[in-house]
């Protein structure tokens, strides 16, 4: 099933998709990071929102 582009929140709040602009907008706001940092975090720990949050907390 494809994303509903009328819903501007993340489709699956457990995963981060950096290829969808509306998800990048949601997650950068939610996590307080810019797009480059979000992409870096996802590259380091994967698409799990939990893993990204843990990495941010660890510094």
Protein backbone atom coordinates (compact mmCIF):
# COMPACT_ATOMS: atom_id res chain seq x y z
CA UNK A 1 0.00 0.00 0.00
CA UNK A 2 1.35 3.43 -0.88
CA UNK A 3 1.52 6.40 1.44
CA UNK A 4 -1.51 8.69 1.69
CA UNK A 5 0.02 12.02 0.67
CA UNK A 6 -2.88 13.88 2.27
CA UNK A 7 -1.66 12.66 5.66
CA UNK A 8 1.43 14.76 6.41
CA UNK A 9 2.49 12.75 9.48
CA UNK A 10 4.75 9.74 9.24
CA UNK A 11 2.87 6.70 7.92
CA UNK A 12 4.54 4.28 10.29
CA UNK A 13 5.84 6.04 13.37
CA UNK A 14 8.19 3.10 14.06
CA UNK A 15 10.14 3.64 10.82
CA UNK A 16 11.77 6.65 9.21
CA UNK A 17 11.66 6.95 5.42
CA UNK A 18 14.09 9.67 4.31
CA UNK A 19 12.86 9.32 0.72
CA UNK A 20 9.45 10.84 1.46
CA UNK A 21 9.49 14.65 1.91
CA UNK A 22 6.50 14.66 4.28
CA UNK A 23 8.20 12.09 6.50
CA UNK A 24 11.47 14.04 6.49
CA UNK A 25 9.52 17.13 7.54
CA UNK A 26 7.77 15.20 10.32
CA UNK A 27 10.90 13.50 11.68
CA UNK A 28 13.17 16.56 11.54
CA UNK A 29 10.58 18.47 13.55
CA UNK A 30 9.88 15.57 15.92
CA UNK A 31 13.56 14.89 16.62
CA UNK A 32 14.84 18.47 16.45
CA UNK A 33 17.44 17.74 13.77
CA UNK A 34 18.00 18.94 10.23
CA UNK A 35 17.63 16.78 7.11
CA UNK A 36 21.35 16.07 6.78
CA UNK A 37 21.59 14.90 10.41
CA UNK A 38 18.45 12.76 10.02
CA UNK A 39 19.89 11.08 6.94
CA UNK A 40 23.19 10.52 8.77
CA UNK A 41 21.42 8.93 11.74
CA UNK A 42 19.37 6.63 9.51
CA UNK A 43 22.53 5.61 7.67
CA UNK A 44 24.25 4.83 10.99
CA UNK A 45 21.49 2.90 12.80
CA UNK A 46 18.83 2.10 10.20
CA UNK A 47 15.23 3.21 9.78
CA UNK A 48 13.99 2.28 13.26
CA UNK A 49 12.72 5.43 14.99
CA UNK A 50 13.61 3.83 18.33
CA UNK A 51 17.21 3.25 17.24
CA UNK A 52 17.51 6.80 15.93
CA UNK A 53 16.15 8.21 19.21
CA UNK A 54 18.59 6.05 21.20
CA UNK A 55 21.51 7.23 19.06
CA UNK A 56 20.49 10.86 19.57
CA UNK A 57 20.25 10.33 23.35
CA UNK A 58 23.70 8.74 23.41
CA UNK A 59 25.18 11.86 21.84
